PDB file of N, CA and C in Angstrom:
ATOM      1  N   UNK A   1      -7.332 -29.096  15.015  1.00  0.00           N
ATOM      2  CA  UNK A   1      -6.439 -28.072  14.360  1.00  0.00           C
ATOM      3  C   UNK A   1      -7.322 -26.884  13.570  1.00  0.00           C
ATOM      4  N   UNK A   2      -7.179 -25.840  13.911  1.00  0.00           N
ATOM      5  CA  UNK A   2      -8.169 -24.759  13.355  1.00  0.00           C
ATOM      6  C   UNK A   2      -7.431 -24.089  12.881  1.00  0.00           C
ATOM      7  N   UNK A   3      -7.886 -23.071  11.460  1.00  0.00           N
ATOM      8  CA  UNK A   3      -7.211 -22.429  10.634  1.00  0.00           C
ATOM      9  C   UNK A   3      -6.986 -20.957  11.099  1.00  0.00           C
ATOM     10  N   UNK A   4      -6.844 -19.995  10.729  1.00  0.00           N
ATOM     11  CA  UNK A   4      -6.734 -18.395  10.915  1.00  0.00           C
ATOM     12  C   UNK A   4      -6.323 -17.629  10.369  1.00  0.00           C
ATOM     13  N   UNK A   5      -7.087 -16.996   9.925  1.00  0.00           N
ATOM     14  CA  UNK A   5      -6.588 -15.493   8.738  1.00  0.00           C
ATOM     15  C   UNK A   5      -6.375 -14.137   9.375  1.00  0.00           C
ATOM     16  N   UNK A   6      -5.116 -13.291   8.910  1.00  0.00           N
ATOM     17  CA  UNK A   6      -4.830 -12.549   9.855  1.00  0.00           C
ATOM     18  C   UNK A   6      -5.651 -11.534   9.813  1.00  0.00           C
ATOM     19  N   UNK A   7      -6.236 -10.594  10.380  1.00  0.00           N
ATOM     20  CA  UNK A   7      -7.492  -9.641   9.969  1.00  0.00           C
ATOM     21  C   UNK A   7      -6.832  -7.996   9.561  1.00  0.00           C
ATOM     22  N   UNK A   8      -7.439  -7.796   8.208  1.00  0.00           N
ATOM     23  CA  UNK A   8      -6.922  -6.436   7.740  1.00  0.00           C
ATOM     24  C   UNK A   8      -6.827  -5.003   8.822  1.00  0.00           C
ATOM     25  N   UNK A   9      -5.270  -4.961   8.625  1.00  0.00           N
ATOM     26  CA  UNK A   9      -5.079  -3.487   9.275  1.00  0.00           C
ATOM     27  C   UNK A   9      -4.676  -2.634   8.479  1.00  0.00           C
ATOM     28  N   UNK A  10      -4.581  -1.379   8.323  1.00  0.00           N
ATOM     29  CA  UNK A  10      -3.848  -0.677   8.107  1.00  0.00           C
ATOM     30  C   UNK A  10      -2.702  -0.064   8.714  1.00  0.00           C
ATOM     31  N   UNK A  11      -1.568   0.042   7.992  1.00  0.00           N
ATOM     32  CA  UNK A  11      -0.334   0.252   8.431  1.00  0.00           C
ATOM     33  C   UNK A  11       0.447   1.310   8.150  1.00  0.00           C
ATOM     34  N   UNK A  12       1.361   1.710   8.186  1.00  0.00           N
ATOM     35  CA  UNK A  12       2.071   3.233   7.723  1.00  0.00           C
ATOM     36  C   UNK A  12       3.309   2.638   7.531  1.00  0.00           C
ATOM     37  N   UNK A  13       4.299   2.669   6.338  1.00  0.00           N
ATOM     38  CA  UNK A  13       5.472   2.205   6.233  1.00  0.00           C
ATOM     39  C   UNK A  13       5.784   3.411   5.175  1.00  0.00           C
ATOM     40  N   UNK A  14       7.624   3.229   4.912  1.00  0.00           N
ATOM     41  CA  UNK A  14       8.571   3.791   4.491  1.00  0.00           C
ATOM     42  C   UNK A  14       9.376   2.842   3.824  1.00  0.00           C
ATOM     43  N   UNK A  15      10.164   3.250   2.907  1.00  0.00           N
ATOM     44  CA  UNK A  15      11.499   2.431   2.545  1.00  0.00           C
ATOM     45  C   UNK A  15      13.058   2.980   2.916  1.00  0.00           C
ATOM     46  N   UNK A  16      13.112   2.157   3.581  1.00  0.00           N
ATOM     47  CA  UNK A  16      14.860   2.890   4.313  1.00  0.00           C
ATOM     48  C   UNK A  16      15.749   2.553   3.054  1.00  0.00           C
ATOM     49  N   UNK A  17      15.687   3.844   2.440  1.00  0.00           N
ATOM     50  CA  UNK A  17      16.639   4.454   1.500  1.00  0.00           C
ATOM     51  C   UNK A  17      17.463   5.389   1.187  1.00  0.00           C
ATOM     52  N   UNK A  18      17.601   5.935   2.534  1.00  0.00           N
ATOM     53  CA  UNK A  18      18.716   6.829   2.813  1.00  0.00           C
ATOM     54  C   UNK A  18      19.443   7.014   4.138  1.00  0.00           C
ATOM     55  N   UNK A  19      20.694   6.550   4.098  1.00  0.00           N
ATOM     56  CA  UNK A  19      22.001   6.376   5.091  1.00  0.00           C
ATOM     57  C   UNK A  19      21.649   7.667   6.186  1.00  0.00           C
ATOM     58  N   UNK A  20      21.548   9.101   5.986  1.00  0.00           N
ATOM     59  CA  UNK A  20      21.661  10.185   6.631  1.00  0.00           C
ATOM     60  C   UNK A  20      20.388  10.315   7.017  1.00  0.00           C
ATOM     61  N   UNK A  21      20.125  10.304   8.120  1.00  0.00           N
ATOM     62  CA  UNK A  21      18.582  10.778   8.372  1.00  0.00           C
ATOM     63  C   UNK A  21      18.196  12.485   8.560  1.00  0.00           C
ATOM     64  N   UNK A  22      19.460  13.069   8.532  1.00  0.00           N
ATOM     65  CA  UNK A  22      19.336  14.528   8.123  1.00  0.00           C
ATOM     66  C   UNK A  22      19.085  14.769   6.643  1.00  0.00           C
ATOM     67  N   UNK A  23      18.785  13.652   5.914  1.00  0.00           N
ATOM     68  CA  UNK A  23      18.312  13.979   4.118  1.00  0.00           C
ATOM     69  C   UNK A  23      17.066  13.551   4.095  1.00  0.00           C
ATOM     70  N   UNK A  24      16.393  12.945   5.575  1.00  0.00           N
ATOM     71  CA  UNK A  24      14.873  12.412   5.357  1.00  0.00           C
ATOM     72  C   UNK A  24      14.281  13.629   5.191  1.00  0.00           C
ATOM     73  N   UNK A  25      13.182  14.191   4.025  1.00  0.00           N
ATOM     74  CA  UNK A  25      12.845  15.159   4.133  1.00  0.00           C
ATOM     75  C   UNK A  25      11.218  14.908   3.840  1.00  0.00           C
ATOM     76  N   UNK A  26      10.926  13.647   3.385  1.00  0.00           N
ATOM     77  CA  UNK A  26       9.917  13.620   3.186  1.00  0.00           C
ATOM     78  C   UNK A  26       9.213  12.096   3.780  1.00  0.00           C
ATOM     79  N   UNK A  27       9.805  11.996   5.099  1.00  0.00           N
ATOM     80  CA  UNK A  27       9.603  10.776   6.138  1.00  0.00           C
ATOM     81  C   UNK A  27       8.291  11.494   6.682  1.00  0.00           C
ATOM     82  N   UNK A  28       7.520  10.552   6.785  1.00  0.00           N
ATOM     83  CA  UNK A  28       6.166  10.791   7.856  1.00  0.00           C
ATOM     84  C   UNK A  28       6.754  10.927   9.001  1.00  0.00           C
ATOM     85  N   UNK A  29       5.752  11.646   9.867  1.00  0.00           N
ATOM     86  CA  UNK A  29       5.901  12.219  10.844  1.00  0.00           C
ATOM     87  C   UNK A  29       6.480  11.409  12.341  1.00  0.00           C
ATOM     88  N   UNK A  30       6.268  10.566  12.216  1.00  0.00           N
ATOM     89  CA  UNK A  30       5.805   9.398  13.155  1.00  0.00           C
ATOM     90  C   UNK A  30       7.922   8.734  13.137  1.00  0.00           C
ATOM     91  N   UNK A  31       8.275   8.470  12.321  1.00  0.00           N
ATOM     92  CA  UNK A  31       9.549   8.312  11.643  1.00  0.00           C
ATOM     93  C   UNK A  31      10.385   9.366  12.157  1.00  0.00           C
ATOM     94  N   UNK A  32       9.818  10.348  12.003  1.00  0.00           N
ATOM     95  CA  UNK A  32      10.505  11.605  12.463  1.00  0.00           C
ATOM     96  C   UNK A  32      11.377  11.915  13.614  1.00  0.00           C
ATOM     97  N   UNK A  33       9.948  11.102  14.087  1.00  0.00           N
ATOM     98  CA  UNK A  33      10.141  11.465  15.615  1.00  0.00           C
ATOM     99  C   UNK A  33      11.213  10.326  16.617  1.00  0.00           C
ATOM    100  N   UNK A  34      10.835   9.663  15.715  1.00  0.00           N
ATOM    101  CA  UNK A  34      11.671   8.287  16.359  1.00  0.00           C
ATOM    102  C   UNK A  34      12.979   8.442  16.371  1.00  0.00           C
ATOM    103  N   UNK A  35      13.202   9.360  15.118  1.00  0.00           N
ATOM    104  CA  UNK A  35      14.694   9.818  14.863  1.00  0.00           C
ATOM    105  C   UNK A  35      15.353  10.663  16.013  1.00  0.00           C
ATOM    106  N   UNK A  36      14.095  11.705  16.207  1.00  0.00           N
ATOM    107  CA  UNK A  36      14.485  12.629  17.215  1.00  0.00           C
ATOM    108  C   UNK A  36      15.007  12.140  18.550  1.00  0.00           C
ATOM    109  N   UNK A  37      13.857  11.487  19.137  1.00  0.00           N
ATOM    110  CA  UNK A  37      14.242  10.676  20.121  1.00  0.00           C
ATOM    111  C   UNK A  37      15.011   9.797  21.098  1.00  0.00           C
ATOM    112  N   UNK A  38      15.906   9.150  19.323  1.00  0.00           N
ATOM    113  CA  UNK A  38      16.770   8.032  19.073  1.00  0.00           C
ATOM    114  C   UNK A  38      15.824   6.646  19.552  1.00  0.00           C
ATOM    115  N   UNK A  39      14.973   6.730  19.335  1.00  0.00           N
ATOM    116  CA  UNK A  39      14.172   5.156  18.929  1.00  0.00           C
ATOM    117  C   UNK A  39      14.818   4.355  18.182  1.00  0.00           C
ATOM    118  N   UNK A  40      14.946   5.628  16.395  1.00  0.00           N
ATOM    119  CA  UNK A  40      15.589   4.997  15.513  1.00  0.00           C
ATOM    120  C   UNK A  40      16.759   5.839  15.194  1.00  0.00           C
ATOM    121  N   UNK A  41      17.741   4.965  15.151  1.00  0.00           N
ATOM    122  CA  UNK A  41      19.192   5.523  14.561  1.00  0.00           C
ATOM    123  C   UNK A  41      19.836   4.553  13.440  1.00  0.00           C
ATOM    124  N   UNK A  42      20.964   5.376  12.291  1.00  0.00           N
ATOM    125  CA  UNK A  42      21.792   4.745  12.195  1.00  0.00           C
ATOM    126  C   UNK A  42      22.847   4.660  12.406  1.00  0.00           C
ATOM    127  N   UNK A  43      23.559   2.980  12.372  1.00  0.00           N
ATOM    128  CA  UNK A  43      25.006   2.608  12.978  1.00  0.00           C
ATOM    129  C   UNK A  43      25.593   1.527  12.047  1.00  0.00           C
ATOM    130  N   UNK A  44      26.867   2.206  11.236  1.00  0.00           N
ATOM    131  CA  UNK A  44      27.198   0.994  10.720  1.00  0.00           C
ATOM    132  C   UNK A  44      26.862   0.899   9.387  1.00  0.00           C
ATOM    133  N   UNK A  45      26.096   1.516   8.937  1.00  0.00           N
ATOM    134  CA  UNK A  45      24.709   1.804   7.253  1.00  0.00           C
ATOM    135  C   UNK A  45      23.836   1.100   7.482  1.00  0.00           C
ATOM    136  N   UNK A  46      23.519   0.665   9.140  1.00  0.00           N
ATOM    137  CA  UNK A  46      22.309   0.437   9.149  1.00  0.00           C
ATOM    138  C   UNK A  46      21.056   1.220   9.995  1.00  0.00           C
ATOM    139  N   UNK A  47      19.706   0.821   9.729  1.00  0.00           N
ATOM    140  CA  UNK A  47      19.275   1.524  10.758  1.00  0.00           C
ATOM    141  C   UNK A  47      18.924   0.375  11.934  1.00  0.00           C
ATOM    142  N   UNK A  48      19.028   1.131  12.940  1.00  0.00           N
ATOM    143  CA  UNK A  48      18.833   0.411  13.948  1.00  0.00           C
ATOM    144  C   UNK A  48      17.086   1.114  14.716  1.00  0.00           C
ATOM    145  N   UNK A  49      16.554  -0.321  14.840  1.00  0.00           N
ATOM    146  CA  UNK A  49      15.226   0.121  15.683  1.00  0.00           C
ATOM    147  C   UNK A  49      15.365   0.003  17.202  1.00  0.00           C
ATOM    148  N   UNK A  50      15.065   0.794  18.168  1.00  0.00           N
ATOM    149  CA  UNK A  50      14.516  -0.236  19.977  1.00  0.00           C
ATOM    150  C   UNK A  50      12.985  -0.605  19.525  1.00  0.00           C
ATOM    151  N   UNK A  51      12.534  -1.480  19.878  1.00  0.00           N
ATOM    152  CA  UNK A  51      12.111  -2.083  20.284  1.00  0.00           C
ATOM    153  C   UNK A  51      11.425  -3.107  21.563  1.00  0.00           C
ATOM    154  N   UNK A  52      10.664  -3.809  21.472  1.00  0.00           N
ATOM    155  CA  UNK A  52      10.690  -3.942  23.240  1.00  0.00           C
ATOM    156  C   UNK A  52      10.769  -5.127  22.976  1.00  0.00           C
ATOM    157  N   UNK A  53      11.456  -6.211  21.965  1.00  0.00           N
ATOM    158  CA  UNK A  53      12.054  -6.606  22.190  1.00  0.00           C
ATOM    159  C   UNK A  53      13.647  -6.749  22.025  1.00  0.00           C
ATOM    160  N   UNK A  54      13.839  -5.872  21.944  1.00  0.00           N
ATOM    161  CA  UNK A  54      15.500  -5.099  21.644  1.00  0.00           C
ATOM    162  C   UNK A  54      15.625  -4.522  20.396  1.00  0.00           C
ATOM    163  N   UNK A  55      16.792  -4.140  20.057  1.00  0.00           N
ATOM    164  CA  UNK A  55      17.295  -3.232  18.541  1.00  0.00           C
ATOM    165  C   UNK A  55      17.256  -4.625  17.664  1.00  0.00           C
ATOM    166  N   UNK A  56      15.994  -3.862  16.436  1.00  0.00           N
ATOM    167  CA  UNK A  56      16.542  -4.556  15.210  1.00  0.00           C
ATOM    168  C   UNK A  56      17.230  -3.537  14.094  1.00  0.00           C
ATOM    169  N   UNK A  57      18.004  -4.686  13.382  1.00  0.00           N
ATOM    170  CA  UNK A  57      18.504  -4.300  12.392  1.00  0.00           C
ATOM    171  C   UNK A  57      17.489  -4.260  10.664  1.00  0.00           C
ATOM    172  N   UNK A  58      17.846  -2.656  10.525  1.00  0.00           N
ATOM    173  CA  UNK A  58      17.215  -2.963   9.044  1.00  0.00           C
ATOM    174  C   UNK A  58      17.885  -2.597   8.016  1.00  0.00           C
ATOM    175  N   UNK A  59      17.913  -3.488   6.914  1.00  0.00           N
ATOM    176  CA  UNK A  59      19.162  -3.242   6.155  1.00  0.00           C
ATOM    177  C   UNK A  59      18.515  -2.477   4.729  1.00  0.00           C
ATOM    178  N   UNK A  60      19.653  -1.380   4.393  1.00  0.00           N
ATOM    179  CA  UNK A  60      19.414  -0.479   3.024  1.00  0.00           C
ATOM    180  C   UNK A  60      18.249  -1.450   2.428  1.00  0.00           C
ATOM    181  N   UNK A  61      17.042  -0.778   1.683  1.00  0.00           N
ATOM    182  CA  UNK A  61      15.524  -1.050   1.158  1.00  0.00           C
ATOM    183  C   UNK A  61      15.115  -2.033   1.900  1.00  0.00           C
ATOM    184  N   UNK A  62      15.120  -1.737   3.483  1.00  0.00           N
ATOM    185  CA  UNK A  62      14.020  -2.503   3.866  1.00  0.00           C
ATOM    186  C   UNK A  62      12.908  -1.853   4.268  1.00  0.00           C
ATOM    187  N   UNK A  63      11.879  -2.183   4.662  1.00  0.00           N
ATOM    188  CA  UNK A  63      10.559  -1.638   4.648  1.00  0.00           C
ATOM    189  C   UNK A  63      10.466  -1.425   6.676  1.00  0.00           C
ATOM    190  N   UNK A  64      10.376   0.302   6.784  1.00  0.00           N
ATOM    191  CA  UNK A  64       9.906   0.545   8.017  1.00  0.00           C
ATOM    192  C   UNK A  64       8.672   0.923   8.511  1.00  0.00           C
ATOM    193  N   UNK A  65       8.233  -0.102   9.354  1.00  0.00           N
ATOM    194  CA  UNK A  65       6.471  -0.022   9.560  1.00  0.00           C
ATOM    195  C   UNK A  65       6.036   0.587  10.819  1.00  0.00           C
ATOM    196  N   UNK A  66       5.461   1.116  10.638  1.00  0.00           N
ATOM    197  CA  UNK A  66       4.445   1.710  12.115  1.00  0.00           C
ATOM    198  C   UNK A  66       3.415   1.289  11.977  1.00  0.00           C
ATOM    199  N   UNK A  67       3.206  -0.290  13.257  1.00  0.00           N
ATOM    200  CA  UNK A  67       1.945  -0.539  13.496  1.00  0.00           C
ATOM    201  C   UNK A  67       1.168   0.022  13.721  1.00  0.00           C
ATOM    202  N   UNK A  68       0.076  -0.740  14.537  1.00  0.00           N
ATOM    203  CA  UNK A  68      -1.237  -0.283  14.838  1.00  0.00           C
ATOM    204  C   UNK A  68      -1.139   0.567  16.165  1.00  0.00           C
ATOM    205  N   UNK A  69      -0.467   0.248  16.757  1.00  0.00           N
ATOM    206  CA  UNK A  69      -0.136   0.807  18.196  1.00  0.00           C
ATOM    207  C   UNK A  69       1.093   1.784  18.370  1.00  0.00           C
ATOM    208  N   UNK A  70       1.500   2.185  17.049  1.00  0.00           N
ATOM    209  CA  UNK A  70       2.286   3.059  17.273  1.00  0.00           C
ATOM    210  C   UNK A  70       3.883   2.432  17.210  1.00  0.00           C
ATOM    211  N   UNK A  71       3.883   1.029  17.517  1.00  0.00           N
ATOM    212  CA  UNK A  71       5.524  -0.142  17.231  1.00  0.00           C
ATOM    213  C   UNK A  71       6.229   0.796  16.201  1.00  0.00           C
ATOM    214  N   UNK A  72       7.439   0.816  16.238  1.00  0.00           N
ATOM    215  CA  UNK A  72       8.089   0.611  14.803  1.00  0.00           C
ATOM    216  C   UNK A  72       8.714  -0.729  14.791  1.00  0.00           C
ATOM    217  N   UNK A  73       8.999  -0.931  13.675  1.00  0.00           N
ATOM    218  CA  UNK A  73       9.524  -2.275  13.275  1.00  0.00           C
ATOM    219  C   UNK A  73       9.853  -2.459  12.113  1.00  0.00           C
ATOM    220  N   UNK A  74      11.179  -3.103  11.518  1.00  0.00           N
ATOM    221  CA  UNK A  74      11.628  -3.551  10.293  1.00  0.00           C
ATOM    222  C   UNK A  74      10.827  -4.358   9.419  1.00  0.00           C
ATOM    223  N   UNK A  75      10.849  -4.650   8.270  1.00  0.00           N
ATOM    224  CA  UNK A  75      10.277  -5.618   7.472  1.00  0.00           C
ATOM    225  C   UNK A  75      11.055  -5.677   5.881  1.00  0.00           C
ATOM    226  N   UNK A  76      11.504  -7.521   5.994  1.00  0.00           N
ATOM    227  CA  UNK A  76      12.186  -7.562   4.828  1.00  0.00           C
ATOM    228  C   UNK A  76      11.092  -6.921   3.587  1.00  0.00           C
ATOM    229  N   UNK A  77      11.907  -6.770   2.177  1.00  0.00           N
ATOM    230  CA  UNK A  77      11.125  -6.252   1.208  1.00  0.00           C
ATOM    231  C   UNK A  77      10.287  -8.037   0.847  1.00  0.00           C
ATOM    232  N   UNK A  78      10.354  -9.068   0.605  1.00  0.00           N
ATOM    233  CA  UNK A  78       9.948 -10.112   0.302  1.00  0.00           C
ATOM    234  C   UNK A  78       8.639 -10.146   0.889  1.00  0.00           C
ATOM    235  N   UNK A  79       8.709  -9.974   2.493  1.00  0.00           N
ATOM    236  CA  UNK A  79       7.661 -10.136   3.465  1.00  0.00           C
ATOM    237  C   UNK A  79       7.097  -9.184   3.265  1.00  0.00           C
ATOM    238  N   UNK A  80       7.525  -7.834   2.560  1.00  0.00           N
ATOM    239  CA  UNK A  80       6.767  -7.134   2.841  1.00  0.00           C
ATOM    240  C   UNK A  80       5.619  -6.984   2.013  1.00  0.00           C
ATOM    241  N   UNK A  81       6.133  -7.702   0.324  1.00  0.00           N
ATOM    242  CA  UNK A  81       5.241  -7.407  -0.375  1.00  0.00           C
ATOM    243  C   UNK A  81       4.460  -8.395  -0.582  1.00  0.00           C
ATOM    244  N   UNK A  82       5.120 -10.124   0.203  1.00  0.00           N
ATOM    245  CA  UNK A  82       3.881 -11.236   0.228  1.00  0.00           C
ATOM    246  C   UNK A  82       3.030 -10.505   1.575  1.00  0.00           C
ATOM    247  N   UNK A  83       2.968  -9.869   2.525  1.00  0.00           N
ATOM    248  CA  UNK A  83       2.548  -9.599   3.521  1.00  0.00           C
ATOM    249  C   UNK A  83       0.831  -8.161   3.121  1.00  0.00           C
ATOM    250  N   UNK A  84       1.486  -7.162   2.421  1.00  0.00           N
ATOM    251  CA  UNK A  84       0.908  -6.092   2.933  1.00  0.00           C
ATOM    252  C   UNK A  84       0.492  -5.562   1.276  1.00  0.00           C
ATOM    253  N   UNK A  85      -0.498  -5.096   0.598  1.00  0.00           N
ATOM    254  CA  UNK A  85      -0.452  -4.138  -0.577  1.00  0.00           C
ATOM    255  C   UNK A  85      -1.120  -2.550  -0.058  1.00  0.00           C
ATOM    256  N   UNK A  86      -0.913  -1.942  -0.956  1.00  0.00           N
ATOM    257  CA  UNK A  86      -0.969  -0.595  -1.090  1.00  0.00           C
ATOM    258  C   UNK A  86      -2.385  -0.219  -0.807  1.00  0.00           C
ATOM    259  N   UNK A  87      -2.790   0.843  -0.015  1.00  0.00           N
ATOM    260  CA  UNK A  87      -4.645   1.368   0.005  1.00  0.00           C
ATOM    261  C   UNK A  87      -4.237   2.887  -0.523  1.00  0.00           C
ATOM    262  N   UNK A  88      -5.414   2.640  -1.577  1.00  0.00           N
ATOM    263  CA  UNK A  88      -5.865   3.881  -2.046  1.00  0.00           C
ATOM    264  C   UNK A  88      -6.765   4.753  -2.093  1.00  0.00           C
TER     265      UNK A  88
END
């Protein structure tokens, strides 16, 4: 059996902390565009994200990630903290 390490990649991410998308003033352009084209929307106080695997749900305070190919998906805070570190 071989062991593998995930390649270091830089992603963009933002924390889901406002239910009203009209109040998202400082969100990155990729998320604003996704809201405008309804790839990302709020339903039942949860953020819904249309992905290739279907609609994924982000709870309040989850991280929303834009991957290396522009894909958008949610990530739970504990997984995010274990997987990512801020690039300065």
